[in-house]
N, C-alpha and C. Protein backbone atom coordinates (compact mmCIF):
# COMPACT_ATOMS: atom_id res chain seq x y z
N MET A 1 0.85 -1.19 0.00
CA MET A 1 0.00 0.00 0.00
C MET A 1 0.88 1.23 0.00
N LEU A 2 0.63 2.13 -0.95
CA LEU A 2 1.40 3.35 -1.03
C LEU A 2 0.49 4.52 -0.73
N SER A 3 0.86 5.33 0.25
CA SER A 3 0.06 6.48 0.63
C SER A 3 0.70 7.74 0.10
N THR A 4 -0.02 8.50 -0.72
CA THR A 4 0.50 9.75 -1.25
C THR A 4 0.40 10.83 -0.19
N LEU A 5 1.53 11.44 0.12
CA LEU A 5 1.55 12.46 1.15
C LEU A 5 1.56 13.86 0.58
N SER A 6 2.05 14.01 -0.64
CA SER A 6 2.26 15.33 -1.20
C SER A 6 1.14 15.73 -2.16
N THR A 7 0.85 17.01 -2.20
CA THR A 7 -0.12 17.53 -3.15
C THR A 7 0.55 18.45 -4.15
N ASN A 8 1.86 18.53 -4.11
CA ASN A 8 2.61 19.36 -5.04
C ASN A 8 2.36 18.87 -6.46
N PRO A 9 2.05 19.76 -7.43
CA PRO A 9 1.73 19.32 -8.78
C PRO A 9 2.90 18.71 -9.55
N SER A 10 4.12 18.94 -9.11
CA SER A 10 5.27 18.41 -9.85
C SER A 10 6.02 17.32 -9.10
N VAL A 11 5.81 17.22 -7.77
CA VAL A 11 6.50 16.21 -6.96
C VAL A 11 5.50 15.48 -6.09
N SER A 12 5.56 14.16 -6.14
CA SER A 12 4.70 13.34 -5.31
C SER A 12 5.56 12.55 -4.33
N VAL A 13 5.30 12.70 -3.04
CA VAL A 13 6.05 11.98 -2.03
C VAL A 13 5.24 10.75 -1.62
N MET A 14 5.83 9.59 -1.82
CA MET A 14 5.13 8.34 -1.56
C MET A 14 5.72 7.63 -0.35
N LEU A 15 4.87 7.25 0.59
CA LEU A 15 5.33 6.48 1.75
C LEU A 15 5.33 5.01 1.37
N ASN A 16 6.49 4.43 1.31
CA ASN A 16 6.67 3.04 0.88
C ASN A 16 6.41 2.10 2.05
N ARG A 17 5.26 1.42 2.02
CA ARG A 17 4.93 0.49 3.09
C ARG A 17 5.29 -0.94 2.70
N TYR A 18 4.79 -1.40 1.55
CA TYR A 18 4.95 -2.81 1.23
C TYR A 18 5.50 -3.10 -0.17
N TRP A 19 5.30 -2.23 -1.15
CA TRP A 19 5.73 -2.44 -2.54
C TRP A 19 5.06 -3.67 -3.17
N SER A 20 3.96 -4.13 -2.59
CA SER A 20 3.33 -5.35 -3.11
C SER A 20 2.78 -5.15 -4.51
N ALA A 21 2.52 -3.92 -4.91
CA ALA A 21 2.00 -3.68 -6.25
C ALA A 21 3.04 -3.97 -7.32
N LEU A 22 4.29 -4.03 -6.95
CA LEU A 22 5.35 -4.28 -7.93
C LEU A 22 5.87 -5.70 -7.88
N TYR A 23 6.34 -6.11 -6.72
CA TYR A 23 6.92 -7.44 -6.56
C TYR A 23 6.50 -8.03 -5.22
N SER A 24 6.73 -9.30 -5.04
CA SER A 24 6.53 -9.87 -3.72
C SER A 24 7.59 -9.28 -2.80
N SER A 25 7.31 -9.22 -1.50
CA SER A 25 8.26 -8.60 -0.57
C SER A 25 9.58 -9.36 -0.54
N PHE A 26 9.54 -10.67 -0.77
CA PHE A 26 10.76 -11.46 -0.76
C PHE A 26 11.66 -11.09 -1.93
N HIS A 27 11.05 -10.97 -3.13
CA HIS A 27 11.84 -10.62 -4.31
C HIS A 27 12.41 -9.22 -4.15
N LEU A 28 11.63 -8.30 -3.60
CA LEU A 28 12.11 -6.95 -3.39
C LEU A 28 13.28 -6.93 -2.43
N LEU A 29 13.21 -7.76 -1.39
CA LEU A 29 14.29 -7.83 -0.41
C LEU A 29 15.59 -8.25 -1.08
N LEU A 30 15.50 -9.21 -1.99
CA LEU A 30 16.69 -9.64 -2.72
C LEU A 30 17.26 -8.52 -3.57
N ILE A 31 16.38 -7.82 -4.28
CA ILE A 31 16.83 -6.72 -5.14
C ILE A 31 17.43 -5.60 -4.31
N SER A 32 16.73 -5.23 -3.23
CA SER A 32 17.21 -4.13 -2.39
C SER A 32 18.56 -4.46 -1.78
N GLY A 33 18.73 -5.71 -1.35
CA GLY A 33 19.99 -6.11 -0.75
C GLY A 33 21.11 -6.06 -1.76
N THR A 34 20.83 -6.52 -2.98
CA THR A 34 21.84 -6.48 -4.04
C THR A 34 22.20 -5.06 -4.38
N ALA A 35 21.18 -4.20 -4.46
CA ALA A 35 21.44 -2.79 -4.79
C ALA A 35 22.28 -2.12 -3.73
N ALA A 36 21.97 -2.42 -2.47
CA ALA A 36 22.72 -1.81 -1.37
C ALA A 36 24.18 -2.20 -1.45
N LEU A 37 24.45 -3.47 -1.77
CA LEU A 37 25.83 -3.90 -1.88
C LEU A 37 26.54 -3.21 -3.04
N ALA A 38 25.77 -2.92 -4.11
CA ALA A 38 26.37 -2.31 -5.28
C ALA A 38 26.92 -0.92 -4.99
N TYR A 39 26.39 -0.25 -3.96
CA TYR A 39 26.85 1.09 -3.62
C TYR A 39 28.21 1.05 -2.93
N HIS A 40 28.58 -0.11 -2.38
CA HIS A 40 29.77 -0.18 -1.54
C HIS A 40 30.67 -1.35 -1.94
N LYS A 41 31.03 -1.41 -3.18
CA LYS A 41 31.89 -2.50 -3.65
C LYS A 41 33.35 -2.25 -3.29
N ARG A 42 34.06 -3.35 -3.08
CA ARG A 42 35.49 -3.26 -2.85
C ARG A 42 36.18 -2.94 -4.18
N GLU A 43 37.37 -2.37 -4.07
CA GLU A 43 38.10 -1.96 -5.26
C GLU A 43 38.37 -3.14 -6.19
N GLU A 44 38.70 -4.30 -5.61
CA GLU A 44 38.98 -5.46 -6.46
C GLU A 44 37.74 -5.92 -7.22
N GLU A 45 36.55 -5.75 -6.60
CA GLU A 45 35.31 -6.09 -7.29
C GLU A 45 35.05 -5.14 -8.46
N ILE A 46 35.34 -3.87 -8.22
CA ILE A 46 35.14 -2.86 -9.26
C ILE A 46 36.06 -3.14 -10.44
N LEU A 47 37.32 -3.47 -10.15
CA LEU A 47 38.29 -3.73 -11.21
C LEU A 47 37.95 -5.03 -11.95
N GLU A 48 37.47 -6.01 -11.21
CA GLU A 48 37.09 -7.28 -11.84
C GLU A 48 35.94 -7.05 -12.83
N GLU A 49 34.99 -6.23 -12.43
CA GLU A 49 33.87 -5.91 -13.32
C GLU A 49 34.34 -5.08 -14.51
N TYR A 50 35.32 -4.23 -14.28
CA TYR A 50 35.84 -3.41 -15.37
C TYR A 50 36.47 -4.28 -16.46
N ASN A 51 37.03 -5.41 -16.07
CA ASN A 51 37.57 -6.34 -17.06
C ASN A 51 36.48 -6.87 -17.98
N ILE A 52 35.28 -7.08 -17.42
CA ILE A 52 34.14 -7.51 -18.23
C ILE A 52 33.72 -6.39 -19.17
N VAL A 53 33.73 -5.17 -18.66
CA VAL A 53 33.37 -4.01 -19.47
C VAL A 53 34.33 -3.88 -20.66
N LYS A 54 35.61 -4.06 -20.41
CA LYS A 54 36.60 -3.95 -21.50
C LYS A 54 36.35 -5.00 -22.58
N LYS A 55 35.91 -6.18 -22.16
CA LYS A 55 35.56 -7.21 -23.14
C LYS A 55 34.33 -6.80 -23.94
N ALA A 56 33.35 -6.20 -23.24
CA ALA A 56 32.12 -5.75 -23.90
C ALA A 56 32.39 -4.62 -24.87
N GLN A 57 33.44 -3.84 -24.60
CA GLN A 57 33.80 -2.76 -25.52
C GLN A 57 34.32 -3.30 -26.85
N LYS A 58 34.84 -4.52 -26.82
CA LYS A 58 35.35 -5.16 -28.03
C LYS A 58 34.31 -6.07 -28.68
N ASN A 59 33.47 -6.67 -27.82
CA ASN A 59 32.46 -7.61 -28.30
C ASN A 59 31.17 -7.42 -27.49
N PRO A 60 30.10 -6.94 -28.14
CA PRO A 60 28.84 -6.65 -27.42
C PRO A 60 28.25 -7.85 -26.70
N GLU A 61 28.63 -9.06 -27.10
CA GLU A 61 28.08 -10.25 -26.45
C GLU A 61 28.44 -10.28 -24.96
N TYR A 62 29.55 -9.68 -24.60
CA TYR A 62 29.97 -9.67 -23.20
C TYR A 62 29.16 -8.70 -22.35
N PHE A 63 28.29 -7.92 -23.01
CA PHE A 63 27.44 -6.99 -22.26
C PHE A 63 26.29 -7.72 -21.57
N ALA A 64 25.96 -8.90 -22.04
CA ALA A 64 24.81 -9.66 -21.50
C ALA A 64 24.87 -9.86 -19.99
N PRO A 65 26.01 -10.30 -19.43
CA PRO A 65 26.05 -10.49 -17.97
C PRO A 65 25.82 -9.19 -17.19
N LEU A 66 26.28 -8.07 -17.75
CA LEU A 66 26.07 -6.78 -17.10
C LEU A 66 24.59 -6.41 -17.12
N TYR A 67 23.96 -6.68 -18.24
CA TYR A 67 22.51 -6.43 -18.38
C TYR A 67 21.74 -7.27 -17.37
N GLN A 68 22.06 -8.54 -17.29
CA GLN A 68 21.36 -9.45 -16.37
C GLN A 68 21.60 -9.07 -14.91
N LYS A 69 22.79 -8.62 -14.62
CA LYS A 69 23.15 -8.27 -13.24
C LYS A 69 22.44 -7.02 -12.76
N TYR A 70 22.27 -6.04 -13.65
CA TYR A 70 21.79 -4.74 -13.20
C TYR A 70 20.38 -4.37 -13.63
N TYR A 71 19.71 -5.23 -14.41
CA TYR A 71 18.38 -4.85 -14.89
C TYR A 71 17.42 -4.57 -13.74
N ASP A 72 17.30 -5.50 -12.80
CA ASP A 72 16.36 -5.31 -11.68
C ASP A 72 16.69 -4.07 -10.86
N GLN A 73 17.97 -3.85 -10.62
CA GLN A 73 18.38 -2.68 -9.83
C GLN A 73 17.99 -1.38 -10.53
N LEU A 74 18.26 -1.32 -11.83
CA LEU A 74 17.93 -0.11 -12.59
C LEU A 74 16.43 0.09 -12.66
N PHE A 75 15.69 -1.00 -12.81
CA PHE A 75 14.23 -0.92 -12.88
C PHE A 75 13.68 -0.32 -11.59
N MET A 76 14.15 -0.81 -10.45
CA MET A 76 13.67 -0.31 -9.17
C MET A 76 14.10 1.15 -8.94
N PHE A 77 15.32 1.47 -9.33
CA PHE A 77 15.85 2.83 -9.20
C PHE A 77 14.95 3.81 -9.95
N ILE A 78 14.59 3.45 -11.16
CA ILE A 78 13.76 4.32 -12.00
C ILE A 78 12.33 4.37 -11.49
N ASN A 79 11.79 3.21 -11.10
CA ASN A 79 10.39 3.17 -10.68
C ASN A 79 10.14 3.98 -9.41
N LYS A 80 11.14 4.05 -8.53
CA LYS A 80 10.99 4.87 -7.32
C LYS A 80 10.78 6.33 -7.66
N ARG A 81 11.26 6.74 -8.83
CA ARG A 81 11.18 8.14 -9.22
C ARG A 81 10.05 8.42 -10.21
N VAL A 82 9.56 7.36 -10.86
CA VAL A 82 8.54 7.53 -11.88
C VAL A 82 7.19 6.96 -11.42
N ASP A 83 7.21 5.86 -10.69
CA ASP A 83 6.02 5.22 -10.15
C ASP A 83 4.99 4.88 -11.23
N HIS A 84 5.48 4.33 -12.34
CA HIS A 84 4.61 3.88 -13.43
C HIS A 84 5.33 2.75 -14.13
N LEU A 85 4.72 1.56 -14.14
CA LEU A 85 5.43 0.37 -14.61
C LEU A 85 5.81 0.44 -16.09
N GLU A 86 4.89 0.87 -16.94
CA GLU A 86 5.18 0.90 -18.37
C GLU A 86 6.27 1.93 -18.69
N VAL A 87 6.17 3.08 -18.07
CA VAL A 87 7.19 4.12 -18.29
C VAL A 87 8.53 3.64 -17.73
N THR A 88 8.51 2.99 -16.58
CA THR A 88 9.73 2.47 -15.99
C THR A 88 10.40 1.46 -16.92
N ALA A 89 9.61 0.55 -17.46
CA ALA A 89 10.15 -0.46 -18.38
C ALA A 89 10.76 0.19 -19.62
N ASP A 90 10.08 1.21 -20.13
CA ASP A 90 10.58 1.91 -21.32
C ASP A 90 11.89 2.64 -21.01
N LEU A 91 11.94 3.35 -19.89
CA LEU A 91 13.15 4.09 -19.53
C LEU A 91 14.31 3.14 -19.23
N THR A 92 14.02 2.02 -18.60
CA THR A 92 15.07 1.03 -18.31
C THR A 92 15.66 0.50 -19.62
N SER A 93 14.79 0.24 -20.58
CA SER A 93 15.27 -0.23 -21.89
C SER A 93 16.14 0.83 -22.56
N ARG A 94 15.74 2.08 -22.44
CA ARG A 94 16.52 3.17 -23.02
C ARG A 94 17.91 3.25 -22.39
N VAL A 95 17.96 3.06 -21.08
CA VAL A 95 19.23 3.12 -20.36
C VAL A 95 20.20 2.07 -20.91
N PHE A 96 19.73 0.84 -21.05
CA PHE A 96 20.61 -0.23 -21.52
C PHE A 96 20.94 -0.07 -23.00
N PHE A 97 20.00 0.44 -23.78
CA PHE A 97 20.29 0.69 -25.19
C PHE A 97 21.39 1.73 -25.33
N LYS A 98 21.27 2.82 -24.58
CA LYS A 98 22.27 3.89 -24.67
C LYS A 98 23.61 3.45 -24.08
N SER A 99 23.57 2.66 -23.03
CA SER A 99 24.83 2.20 -22.43
C SER A 99 25.56 1.26 -23.39
N LEU A 100 24.84 0.39 -24.07
CA LEU A 100 25.48 -0.52 -25.03
C LEU A 100 26.00 0.26 -26.23
N ARG A 101 25.22 1.23 -26.69
CA ARG A 101 25.63 2.03 -27.85
C ARG A 101 26.87 2.86 -27.55
N ASN A 102 27.02 3.26 -26.26
CA ASN A 102 28.15 4.13 -25.90
C ASN A 102 29.21 3.43 -25.06
N ILE A 103 29.16 2.11 -25.01
CA ILE A 103 30.07 1.36 -24.14
C ILE A 103 31.53 1.64 -24.45
N LYS A 104 31.84 1.89 -25.71
CA LYS A 104 33.24 2.14 -26.09
C LYS A 104 33.75 3.46 -25.53
N LYS A 105 32.83 4.35 -25.15
CA LYS A 105 33.23 5.65 -24.59
C LYS A 105 33.43 5.58 -23.08
N TYR A 106 33.05 4.46 -22.49
CA TYR A 106 33.15 4.33 -21.04
C TYR A 106 34.61 4.37 -20.59
N LYS A 107 34.88 5.16 -19.55
CA LYS A 107 36.22 5.25 -19.00
C LYS A 107 36.16 4.98 -17.49
N TYR A 108 37.08 4.20 -17.04
CA TYR A 108 37.13 3.85 -15.62
C TYR A 108 37.48 5.07 -14.78
N GLN A 109 36.67 5.34 -13.74
CA GLN A 109 36.91 6.50 -12.88
C GLN A 109 36.88 6.12 -11.39
N GLY A 110 37.08 4.84 -11.12
CA GLY A 110 37.18 4.42 -9.73
C GLY A 110 35.86 4.13 -9.05
N VAL A 111 34.77 4.20 -9.78
CA VAL A 111 33.45 3.88 -9.22
C VAL A 111 32.91 2.66 -9.95
N PRO A 112 31.94 1.95 -9.36
CA PRO A 112 31.40 0.76 -10.02
C PRO A 112 30.80 1.09 -11.38
N PHE A 113 30.82 0.12 -12.27
CA PHE A 113 30.22 0.31 -13.59
C PHE A 113 28.74 0.67 -13.45
N SER A 114 28.10 0.15 -12.41
CA SER A 114 26.69 0.45 -12.20
C SER A 114 26.45 1.95 -12.04
N ALA A 115 27.45 2.67 -11.51
CA ALA A 115 27.29 4.12 -11.34
C ALA A 115 27.10 4.80 -12.69
N TRP A 116 27.80 4.29 -13.70
CA TRP A 116 27.63 4.83 -15.06
C TRP A 116 26.21 4.59 -15.55
N LEU A 117 25.67 3.41 -15.26
CA LEU A 117 24.30 3.09 -15.66
C LEU A 117 23.30 3.99 -14.93
N TYR A 118 23.52 4.19 -13.63
CA TYR A 118 22.63 5.06 -12.86
C TYR A 118 22.71 6.51 -13.37
N ARG A 119 23.88 6.91 -13.79
CA ARG A 119 24.03 8.28 -14.32
C ARG A 119 23.21 8.45 -15.59
N ILE A 120 23.26 7.44 -16.46
CA ILE A 120 22.44 7.47 -17.67
C ILE A 120 20.96 7.47 -17.29
N ALA A 121 20.61 6.66 -16.28
CA ALA A 121 19.21 6.58 -15.84
C ALA A 121 18.71 7.93 -15.35
N ILE A 122 19.52 8.62 -14.56
CA ILE A 122 19.13 9.94 -14.06
C ILE A 122 18.90 10.90 -15.20
N ASN A 123 19.77 10.86 -16.21
CA ASN A 123 19.58 11.73 -17.37
C ASN A 123 18.30 11.41 -18.11
N GLU A 124 17.98 10.12 -18.25
CA GLU A 124 16.76 9.71 -18.93
C GLU A 124 15.52 10.13 -18.14
N ILE A 125 15.58 10.00 -16.83
CA ILE A 125 14.45 10.41 -15.98
C ILE A 125 14.23 11.91 -16.09
N ASN A 126 15.31 12.67 -15.99
CA ASN A 126 15.20 14.13 -16.09
C ASN A 126 14.65 14.55 -17.45
N MET A 127 15.10 13.91 -18.50
CA MET A 127 14.64 14.21 -19.85
C MET A 127 13.15 13.90 -19.98
N PHE A 128 12.75 12.77 -19.41
CA PHE A 128 11.35 12.37 -19.48
C PHE A 128 10.45 13.42 -18.84
N PHE A 129 10.81 13.89 -17.66
CA PHE A 129 9.96 14.85 -16.97
C PHE A 129 10.03 16.25 -17.60
N ARG A 130 11.10 16.54 -18.29
CA ARG A 130 11.17 17.81 -19.02
C ARG A 130 10.26 17.80 -20.24
N GLU A 131 10.10 16.61 -20.83
CA GLU A 131 9.33 16.50 -22.07
C GLU A 131 7.83 16.31 -21.85
N GLN A 132 7.43 15.90 -20.65
CA GLN A 132 6.01 15.71 -20.38
C GLN A 132 5.64 16.37 -19.07
N HIS A 133 4.36 16.72 -18.96
CA HIS A 133 3.92 17.46 -17.77
C HIS A 133 2.71 16.81 -17.11
N ARG A 134 2.35 15.63 -17.56
CA ARG A 134 1.16 14.96 -17.00
C ARG A 134 1.47 14.18 -15.74
N MET A 135 2.68 13.64 -15.64
CA MET A 135 3.03 12.80 -14.50
C MET A 135 3.83 13.58 -13.46
N GLU A 136 3.68 13.17 -12.22
CA GLU A 136 4.45 13.76 -11.13
C GLU A 136 5.77 13.03 -10.95
N ARG A 137 6.77 13.74 -10.58
CA ARG A 137 8.06 13.16 -10.21
C ARG A 137 7.90 12.60 -8.80
N THR A 138 8.20 11.33 -8.59
CA THR A 138 7.95 10.68 -7.31
C THR A 138 9.19 10.63 -6.44
N VAL A 139 9.01 10.88 -5.15
CA VAL A 139 10.05 10.64 -4.16
C VAL A 139 9.52 9.53 -3.27
N ASN A 140 10.13 8.36 -3.35
CA ASN A 140 9.63 7.20 -2.63
C ASN A 140 10.42 7.01 -1.34
N ILE A 141 9.73 7.10 -0.21
CA ILE A 141 10.43 7.08 1.08
C ILE A 141 9.84 6.01 2.01
N THR A 142 10.66 5.55 2.91
CA THR A 142 10.24 4.61 3.95
C THR A 142 10.28 5.31 5.30
N ASP A 143 9.81 4.62 6.31
CA ASP A 143 9.88 5.19 7.66
C ASP A 143 11.34 5.44 8.06
N ASP A 144 12.24 4.56 7.64
CA ASP A 144 13.66 4.75 7.95
C ASP A 144 14.18 6.04 7.32
N HIS A 145 13.78 6.31 6.08
CA HIS A 145 14.21 7.54 5.40
C HIS A 145 13.72 8.77 6.16
N ILE A 146 12.48 8.70 6.62
CA ILE A 146 11.90 9.81 7.37
C ILE A 146 12.70 10.06 8.65
N ASN A 147 13.03 8.99 9.34
CA ASN A 147 13.80 9.11 10.58
C ASN A 147 15.18 9.69 10.32
N ILE A 148 15.81 9.26 9.23
CA ILE A 148 17.14 9.77 8.87
C ILE A 148 17.08 11.27 8.64
N LEU A 149 16.08 11.71 7.86
CA LEU A 149 15.99 13.13 7.53
C LEU A 149 15.64 13.96 8.76
N ILE A 150 14.76 13.44 9.60
CA ILE A 150 14.40 14.15 10.84
C ILE A 150 15.64 14.33 11.71
N THR A 151 16.48 13.29 11.77
CA THR A 151 17.72 13.37 12.55
C THR A 151 18.68 14.38 11.95
N GLU A 152 18.81 14.37 10.62
CA GLU A 152 19.76 15.27 9.95
C GLU A 152 19.39 16.74 10.16
N ILE A 153 18.10 17.05 10.13
CA ILE A 153 17.71 18.45 10.29
C ILE A 153 17.52 18.81 11.76
N GLU A 154 17.73 17.82 12.65
CA GLU A 154 17.66 18.04 14.10
C GLU A 154 16.31 18.62 14.51
N TYR A 155 15.25 18.03 13.97
CA TYR A 155 13.90 18.52 14.28
C TYR A 155 13.47 18.00 15.64
N LYS A 156 13.08 18.91 16.51
CA LYS A 156 12.73 18.52 17.88
C LYS A 156 11.32 18.93 18.27
N GLU A 157 10.64 19.69 17.40
CA GLU A 157 9.29 20.14 17.74
C GLU A 157 8.29 19.00 17.55
N PRO A 158 7.38 18.81 18.49
CA PRO A 158 6.45 17.68 18.43
C PRO A 158 5.15 17.95 17.67
N GLN A 159 4.96 19.18 17.17
CA GLN A 159 3.65 19.54 16.63
C GLN A 159 3.25 18.74 15.40
N LEU A 160 4.19 18.49 14.51
CA LEU A 160 3.86 17.83 13.25
C LEU A 160 4.27 16.37 13.23
N ASP A 161 3.42 15.56 12.65
CA ASP A 161 3.78 14.17 12.41
C ASP A 161 4.98 14.15 11.46
N PRO A 162 6.01 13.35 11.74
CA PRO A 162 7.21 13.32 10.89
C PRO A 162 6.91 13.05 9.42
N HIS A 163 5.91 12.19 9.14
CA HIS A 163 5.56 11.87 7.76
C HIS A 163 5.05 13.11 7.03
N VAL A 164 4.22 13.88 7.71
CA VAL A 164 3.69 15.10 7.12
C VAL A 164 4.80 16.13 6.96
N LEU A 165 5.62 16.26 7.99
CA LEU A 165 6.71 17.24 7.94
C LEU A 165 7.65 16.98 6.78
N VAL A 166 8.10 15.74 6.63
CA VAL A 166 9.04 15.41 5.56
C VAL A 166 8.41 15.66 4.20
N SER A 167 7.14 15.33 4.06
CA SER A 167 6.45 15.60 2.81
C SER A 167 6.45 17.08 2.47
N VAL A 168 6.12 17.90 3.46
CA VAL A 168 6.09 19.35 3.26
C VAL A 168 7.49 19.87 2.92
N LEU A 169 8.49 19.36 3.59
CA LEU A 169 9.86 19.81 3.36
C LEU A 169 10.33 19.47 1.95
N LEU A 170 10.08 18.24 1.52
CA LEU A 170 10.54 17.83 0.20
C LEU A 170 9.85 18.60 -0.93
N GLU A 171 8.65 19.07 -0.64
CA GLU A 171 7.95 19.89 -1.63
C GLU A 171 8.66 21.21 -1.91
N GLN A 172 9.50 21.64 -0.98
CA GLN A 172 10.20 22.92 -1.13
C GLN A 172 11.47 22.81 -1.95
N LEU A 173 11.84 21.59 -2.35
CA LEU A 173 13.11 21.38 -3.05
C LEU A 173 12.93 21.32 -4.56
N ASN A 174 13.96 21.78 -5.27
CA ASN A 174 13.94 21.62 -6.72
C ASN A 174 14.51 20.25 -7.09
N GLU A 175 14.54 19.95 -8.37
CA GLU A 175 14.95 18.63 -8.84
C GLU A 175 16.35 18.24 -8.38
N SER A 176 17.31 19.14 -8.54
CA SER A 176 18.69 18.82 -8.18
C SER A 176 18.84 18.62 -6.67
N GLU A 177 18.10 19.39 -5.88
CA GLU A 177 18.16 19.25 -4.43
C GLU A 177 17.56 17.91 -3.99
N ILE A 178 16.45 17.52 -4.59
CA ILE A 178 15.83 16.24 -4.28
C ILE A 178 16.77 15.09 -4.61
N GLN A 179 17.44 15.18 -5.75
CA GLN A 179 18.36 14.11 -6.16
C GLN A 179 19.49 13.93 -5.16
N LEU A 180 20.02 15.02 -4.65
CA LEU A 180 21.09 14.92 -3.65
C LEU A 180 20.60 14.23 -2.38
N ILE A 181 19.41 14.60 -1.92
CA ILE A 181 18.85 13.98 -0.71
C ILE A 181 18.59 12.50 -0.93
N GLU A 182 18.02 12.16 -2.07
CA GLU A 182 17.73 10.76 -2.38
C GLU A 182 19.00 9.92 -2.39
N LEU A 183 19.99 10.39 -3.14
CA LEU A 183 21.20 9.60 -3.32
C LEU A 183 21.98 9.44 -2.02
N ARG A 184 22.10 10.51 -1.27
CA ARG A 184 22.93 10.47 -0.07
C ARG A 184 22.22 9.83 1.12
N PHE A 185 20.99 10.25 1.40
CA PHE A 185 20.34 9.83 2.64
C PHE A 185 19.33 8.69 2.45
N PHE A 186 18.69 8.61 1.28
CA PHE A 186 17.72 7.54 1.08
C PHE A 186 18.34 6.30 0.45
N GLU A 187 19.47 6.47 -0.25
CA GLU A 187 20.14 5.33 -0.88
C GLU A 187 21.53 5.09 -0.31
N ASN A 188 21.94 5.93 0.62
CA ASN A 188 23.19 5.72 1.34
C ASN A 188 24.41 5.67 0.44
N ARG A 189 24.42 6.48 -0.60
CA ARG A 189 25.58 6.53 -1.49
C ARG A 189 26.62 7.49 -0.95
N SER A 190 27.85 7.24 -1.27
CA SER A 190 28.93 8.14 -0.85
C SER A 190 28.82 9.45 -1.62
N PHE A 191 29.45 10.50 -1.08
CA PHE A 191 29.45 11.78 -1.80
C PHE A 191 30.18 11.64 -3.13
N ARG A 192 31.18 10.77 -3.16
CA ARG A 192 31.92 10.56 -4.40
C ARG A 192 31.01 10.01 -5.49
N GLU A 193 30.21 8.99 -5.14
CA GLU A 193 29.34 8.40 -6.15
C GLU A 193 28.18 9.32 -6.48
N ALA A 194 27.61 9.97 -5.46
CA ALA A 194 26.52 10.91 -5.71
C ALA A 194 26.99 12.03 -6.64
N GLY A 195 28.21 12.52 -6.40
CA GLY A 195 28.76 13.55 -7.26
C GLY A 195 28.94 13.05 -8.68
N TYR A 196 29.45 11.83 -8.82
CA TYR A 196 29.65 11.25 -10.15
C TYR A 196 28.31 11.14 -10.89
N LEU A 197 27.28 10.69 -10.20
CA LEU A 197 25.98 10.51 -10.83
C LEU A 197 25.38 11.84 -11.30
N LEU A 198 25.69 12.91 -10.57
CA LEU A 198 25.09 14.21 -10.89
C LEU A 198 26.05 15.16 -11.59
N GLY A 199 27.23 14.66 -11.94
CA GLY A 199 28.20 15.50 -12.65
C GLY A 199 28.86 16.53 -11.76
N LEU A 200 29.06 16.19 -10.48
CA LEU A 200 29.69 17.09 -9.53
C LEU A 200 30.95 16.45 -8.97
N SER A 201 31.83 17.28 -8.42
CA SER A 201 32.97 16.73 -7.70
C SER A 201 32.48 16.22 -6.35
N GLU A 202 33.29 15.38 -5.71
CA GLU A 202 32.93 14.86 -4.40
C GLU A 202 32.73 16.00 -3.40
N VAL A 203 33.63 16.98 -3.44
CA VAL A 203 33.53 18.12 -2.51
C VAL A 203 32.26 18.92 -2.76
N ASN A 204 31.96 19.21 -4.03
CA ASN A 204 30.76 19.99 -4.35
C ASN A 204 29.49 19.24 -3.97
N ALA A 205 29.51 17.91 -4.16
CA ALA A 205 28.34 17.12 -3.80
C ALA A 205 28.08 17.23 -2.30
N LYS A 206 29.15 17.19 -1.52
CA LYS A 206 29.00 17.28 -0.07
C LYS A 206 28.52 18.67 0.34
N ILE A 207 29.12 19.70 -0.23
CA ILE A 207 28.74 21.07 0.10
C ILE A 207 27.28 21.32 -0.25
N LYS A 208 26.88 20.94 -1.46
CA LYS A 208 25.50 21.16 -1.92
C LYS A 208 24.50 20.38 -1.08
N THR A 209 24.87 19.15 -0.71
CA THR A 209 23.96 18.33 0.09
C THR A 209 23.68 18.98 1.43
N TYR A 210 24.73 19.46 2.09
CA TYR A 210 24.51 20.05 3.41
C TYR A 210 23.92 21.45 3.34
N ARG A 211 24.01 22.08 2.18
CA ARG A 211 23.25 23.31 1.99
C ARG A 211 21.76 23.01 1.95
N VAL A 212 21.40 21.89 1.32
CA VAL A 212 20.00 21.47 1.28
C VAL A 212 19.51 21.13 2.68
N ILE A 213 20.34 20.42 3.45
CA ILE A 213 19.97 20.08 4.82
C ILE A 213 19.76 21.35 5.65
N LYS A 214 20.64 22.32 5.47
CA LYS A 214 20.51 23.60 6.17
C LYS A 214 19.21 24.30 5.78
N LYS A 215 18.88 24.23 4.49
CA LYS A 215 17.64 24.82 3.99
C LYS A 215 16.43 24.14 4.62
N LEU A 216 16.44 22.81 4.67
CA LEU A 216 15.33 22.07 5.24
C LEU A 216 15.19 22.34 6.74
N LYS A 217 16.32 22.45 7.40
CA LYS A 217 16.29 22.75 8.84
C LYS A 217 15.65 24.11 9.08
N LYS A 218 16.01 25.10 8.28
CA LYS A 218 15.45 26.44 8.43
C LYS A 218 13.95 26.43 8.19
N ILE A 219 13.52 25.73 7.15
CA ILE A 219 12.09 25.65 6.85
C ILE A 219 11.34 24.96 7.99
N SER A 220 11.94 23.87 8.50
CA SER A 220 11.27 23.13 9.58
C SER A 220 11.09 23.98 10.82
N GLU A 221 12.02 24.90 11.06
CA GLU A 221 11.93 25.77 12.23
C GLU A 221 10.85 26.82 12.07
N GLU A 222 10.48 27.09 10.80
CA GLU A 222 9.48 28.11 10.53
C GLU A 222 8.06 27.55 10.46
N ILE A 223 7.96 26.22 10.34
CA ILE A 223 6.65 25.56 10.24
C ILE A 223 6.02 25.47 11.62
N ARG A 224 4.75 25.81 11.66
CA ARG A 224 3.99 25.67 12.90
C ARG A 224 2.77 24.79 12.62
N TYR A 225 2.27 24.19 13.67
CA TYR A 225 1.17 23.25 13.52
C TYR A 225 -0.04 23.87 12.81
N HIS A 226 -0.36 25.12 13.15
CA HIS A 226 -1.54 25.74 12.57
C HIS A 226 -1.37 26.04 11.09
N ASP A 227 -0.10 25.97 10.57
CA ASP A 227 0.13 26.19 9.14
C ASP A 227 -0.37 25.02 8.31
């Protein structure tokens, strides 16, 4: 069951309770666990995967294992932001089509190959929402995400339910600010990887992220129950 918390015409904040509309909870647990590990690979794992990428750059047949390994992760990544199965499937296909078409341009930068795929996915998502205005951009959050954000902004006032507060706060952010919060706090990515995904340096990603946190903290201090 997904409860829509936001009424913003361009951003919809969804409280993720069960995800049963997409997959069984067991299958989701497997995907989520795999995705979480993908954010924190050891250097030898990254280099081992890069050897597969180099083979794929010479022969597209070697791209198949990469496709099989990351399809579910990319699908879930996109669906959290789009919340529409057909659109998600289409965008996921576009990501892999573009990654295969441009595989020869891929250069190792010390992050997992999956980061390159996620970067393409973010560009495709942004392009999709720029080209159409009927669908809302979704921010999919869990109770854990809400608790993390409440802790980060050091919110101590009891007047507002945390779910309502976080929804109101996220409505105040633009696309780039939302992406920073999602990548860093909701997906637990390093500043280095978040910066890579958004075309920023690690330092700039960190600075911009905490500027957003400062902004959210200020807004939270100005919100009163009667508002």
